[in-house]
Amino acid sequence: MNIVRKDTTIRADVGQRIRSWRVRRELSQANVARLVGITQASLSNYETGKRDLPLMTLMGLTGVLNVSLGDLLNTSDVIVVRDSVLGRAVEQFQSRVPAGLGSVAAS
């Protein structure tokens, strides 16, 4: 499942926020990508807004960067989904995040 985007500007804005938090945390693209389970090239494409960001990858980034979804998304970027499927996805992901990498919270 990919996050729904209305245009590439939103995708680029989210990518810039990801990069900004990664740099603040003094983490390399290679390290973040490895911890999230994606390639460095994919992370680069997300940071530059060239590719849509899958929801599970976004959630992984929040854990690795120790930020909330709100830190990466503006409220205008988010479509609030109140569905048990999303809740189950969050629970499944949380069970796979190694201890010490932060937490993922569902809105």
C-alpha atoms as a PDB file:
ATOM      1  CA  MET A   1       0.000   0.000   0.000  1.00  0.00           C
ATOM      2  CA  ASN A   2       1.443   3.356  -1.013  1.00  0.00           C
ATOM      3  CA  ILE A   3       0.611   6.669   0.551  1.00  0.00           C
ATOM      4  CA  VAL A   4      -1.795   8.576  -1.674  1.00  0.00           C
ATOM      5  CA  ARG A   5      -0.213  11.712  -3.140  1.00  0.00           C
ATOM      6  CA  LYS A   6      -2.018  14.485  -4.971  1.00  0.00           C
ATOM      7  CA  ASP A   7       1.154  15.779  -6.588  1.00  0.00           C
ATOM      8  CA  THR A   8       4.915  15.516  -6.565  1.00  0.00           C
ATOM      9  CA  THR A   9       5.252  18.654  -4.419  1.00  0.00           C
ATOM     10  CA  ILE A  10       3.866  16.836  -1.378  1.00  0.00           C
ATOM     11  CA  ARG A  11       6.141  13.867  -2.059  1.00  0.00           C
ATOM     12  CA  ALA A  12       9.152  16.191  -2.292  1.00  0.00           C
ATOM     13  CA  ASP A  13       8.177  18.015   0.926  1.00  0.00           C
ATOM     14  CA  VAL A  14       7.974  14.746   2.857  1.00  0.00           C
ATOM     15  CA  GLY A  15      11.298  13.674   1.370  1.00  0.00           C
ATOM     16  CA  GLN A  16      12.932  16.905   2.483  1.00  0.00           C
ATOM     17  CA  ARG A  17      11.630  16.386   6.009  1.00  0.00           C
ATOM     18  CA  ILE A  18      13.011  12.832   6.051  1.00  0.00           C
ATOM     19  CA  ARG A  19      16.411  14.080   4.923  1.00  0.00           C
ATOM     20  CA  SER A  20      16.350  16.932   7.426  1.00  0.00           C
ATOM     21  CA  TRP A  21      15.658  14.572  10.355  1.00  0.00           C
ATOM     22  CA  ARG A  22      18.257  12.089   9.108  1.00  0.00           C
ATOM     23  CA  VAL A  23      20.899  14.833   8.967  1.00  0.00           C
ATOM     24  CA  ARG A  24      19.874  16.153  12.409  1.00  0.00           C
ATOM     25  CA  ARG A  25      20.356  12.661  13.792  1.00  0.00           C
ATOM     26  CA  GLU A  26      23.766  12.499  12.065  1.00  0.00           C
ATOM     27  CA  LEU A  27      22.834   9.305  10.238  1.00  0.00           C
ATOM     28  CA  SER A  28      23.998   8.318   6.780  1.00  0.00           C
ATOM     29  CA  GLN A  29      21.610   7.239   4.059  1.00  0.00           C
ATOM     30  CA  ALA A  30      23.290   3.835   4.086  1.00  0.00           C
ATOM     31  CA  ASN A  31      22.703   3.315   7.820  1.00  0.00           C
ATOM     32  CA  VAL A  32      19.088   4.478   7.742  1.00  0.00           C
ATOM     33  CA  ALA A  33      18.328   2.384   4.669  1.00  0.00           C
ATOM     34  CA  ARG A  34      19.855  -0.723   6.268  1.00  0.00           C
ATOM     35  CA  LEU A  35      17.856  -0.241   9.479  1.00  0.00           C
ATOM     36  CA  VAL A  36      14.601   0.301   7.586  1.00  0.00           C
ATOM     37  CA  GLY A  37      15.276  -2.630   5.254  1.00  0.00           C
ATOM     38  CA  ILE A  38      15.462  -0.728   1.972  1.00  0.00           C
ATOM     39  CA  THR A  39      18.275   0.146  -0.413  1.00  0.00           C
ATOM     40  CA  GLN A  40      20.236   3.367  -0.186  1.00  0.00           C
ATOM     41  CA  ALA A  41      19.040   4.187  -3.711  1.00  0.00           C
ATOM     42  CA  SER A  42      15.409   3.859  -2.576  1.00  0.00           C
ATOM     43  CA  LEU A  43      15.996   6.161   0.391  1.00  0.00           C
ATOM     44  CA  SER A  44      17.643   8.684  -1.910  1.00  0.00           C
ATOM     45  CA  ASN A  45      14.620   8.533  -4.235  1.00  0.00           C
ATOM     46  CA  TYR A  46      12.239   9.078  -1.302  1.00  0.00           C
ATOM     47  CA  GLU A  47      14.285  12.007   0.006  1.00  0.00           C
ATOM     48  CA  THR A  48      14.300  13.686  -3.401  1.00  0.00           C
ATOM     49  CA  GLY A  49      10.603  13.016  -4.029  1.00  0.00           C
ATOM     50  CA  LYS A  50      11.236  10.806  -7.054  1.00  0.00           C
ATOM     51  CA  ARG A  51       9.257   7.839  -5.723  1.00  0.00           C
ATOM     52  CA  ASP A  52       6.078   7.313  -3.739  1.00  0.00           C
ATOM     53  CA  LEU A  53       6.782   6.286  -0.172  1.00  0.00           C
ATOM     54  CA  PRO A  54       5.130   3.035   0.976  1.00  0.00           C
ATOM     55  CA  LEU A  55       3.326   3.319   4.299  1.00  0.00           C
ATOM     56  CA  MET A  56       5.387   0.583   5.965  1.00  0.00           C
ATOM     57  CA  THR A  57       8.618   2.300   4.892  1.00  0.00           C
ATOM     58  CA  LEU A  58       7.365   5.611   6.274  1.00  0.00           C
ATOM     59  CA  MET A  59       6.562   3.891   9.557  1.00  0.00           C
ATOM     60  CA  GLY A  60      10.019   2.326   9.590  1.00  0.00           C
ATOM     61  CA  LEU A  61      11.595   5.728   9.071  1.00  0.00           C
ATOM     62  CA  THR A  62       9.701   7.163  12.040  1.00  0.00           C
ATOM     63  CA  GLY A  63      11.154   4.428  14.226  1.00  0.00           C
ATOM     64  CA  VAL A  64      14.726   4.722  12.984  1.00  0.00           C
ATOM     65  CA  LEU A  65      14.711   8.531  13.080  1.00  0.00           C
ATOM     66  CA  ASN A  66      12.835   8.541  16.408  1.00  0.00           C
ATOM     67  CA  VAL A  67      10.206  10.983  15.139  1.00  0.00           C
ATOM     68  CA  SER A  68       6.427  10.946  14.873  1.00  0.00           C
ATOM     69  CA  LEU A  69       4.446  10.722  11.662  1.00  0.00           C
ATOM     70  CA  GLY A  70       3.520  14.351  12.315  1.00  0.00           C
ATOM     71  CA  ASP A  71       7.196  15.296  12.176  1.00  0.00           C
ATOM     72  CA  LEU A  72       7.407  13.918   8.637  1.00  0.00           C
ATOM     73  CA  LEU A  73       3.946  14.851   7.375  1.00  0.00           C
ATOM     74  CA  ASN A  74       1.984  18.091   7.432  1.00  0.00           C
ATOM     75  CA  THR A  75      -1.626  17.692   8.448  1.00  0.00           C
ATOM     76  CA  SER A  76      -2.552  18.614   4.883  1.00  0.00           C
ATOM     77  CA  ASP A  77      -0.481  15.636   3.683  1.00  0.00           C
ATOM     78  CA  VAL A  78      -2.303  13.087   5.784  1.00  0.00           C
ATOM     79  CA  ILE A  79      -5.513  11.287   5.004  1.00  0.00           C
ATOM     80  CA  VAL A  80      -6.680   9.980   8.361  1.00  0.00           C
ATOM     81  CA  VAL A  81      -7.654   6.357   8.096  1.00  0.00           C
ATOM     82  CA  ARG A  82      -9.634   5.000  11.008  1.00  0.00           C
ATOM     83  CA  ASP A  83      -9.561   1.365  10.077  1.00  0.00           C
ATOM     84  CA  SER A  84      -8.634  -1.767  11.954  1.00  0.00           C
ATOM     85  CA  VAL A  85      -6.447  -2.823   9.014  1.00  0.00           C
ATOM     86  CA  LEU A  86      -4.134   0.140   9.656  1.00  0.00           C
ATOM     87  CA  GLY A  87      -4.122  -0.639  13.368  1.00  0.00           C
ATOM     88  CA  ARG A  88      -3.089  -4.227  12.673  1.00  0.00           C
ATOM     89  CA  ALA A  89      -0.366  -3.044  10.293  1.00  0.00           C
ATOM     90  CA  VAL A  90       1.031  -0.756  12.999  1.00  0.00           C
ATOM     91  CA  GLU A  91       0.988  -3.583  15.550  1.00  0.00           C
ATOM     92  CA  GLN A  92       2.727  -5.969  13.143  1.00  0.00           C
ATOM     93  CA  PHE A  93       5.385  -3.404  12.338  1.00  0.00           C
ATOM     94  CA  GLN A  94       5.974  -2.523  15.991  1.00  0.00           C
ATOM     95  CA  SER A  95       6.599  -6.179  16.759  1.00  0.00           C
ATOM     96  CA  ARG A  96       9.399  -6.193  14.152  1.00  0.00           C
ATOM     97  CA  VAL A  97      11.199  -2.962  15.149  1.00  0.00           C
ATOM     98  CA  PRO A  98      14.343  -3.778  17.176  1.00  0.00           C
ATOM     99  CA  ALA A  99      14.411  -2.358  20.693  1.00  0.00           C
ATOM    100  CA  GLY A 100      16.004   1.065  20.990  1.00  0.00           C
ATOM    101  CA  LEU A 101      15.002   2.323  17.553  1.00  0.00           C
ATOM    102  CA  GLY A 102      12.128   4.454  18.801  1.00  0.00           C
ATOM    103  CA  SER A 103       8.439   3.886  18.694  1.00  0.00           C
ATOM    104  CA  VAL A 104       5.731   4.083  16.092  1.00  0.00           C
ATOM    105  CA  ALA A 105       2.378   5.488  17.127  1.00  0.00           C
ATOM    106  CA  ALA A 106      -0.858   5.307  15.184  1.00  0.00           C
ATOM    107  CA  SER A 107      -3.029   8.421  14.976  1.00  0.00           C
END
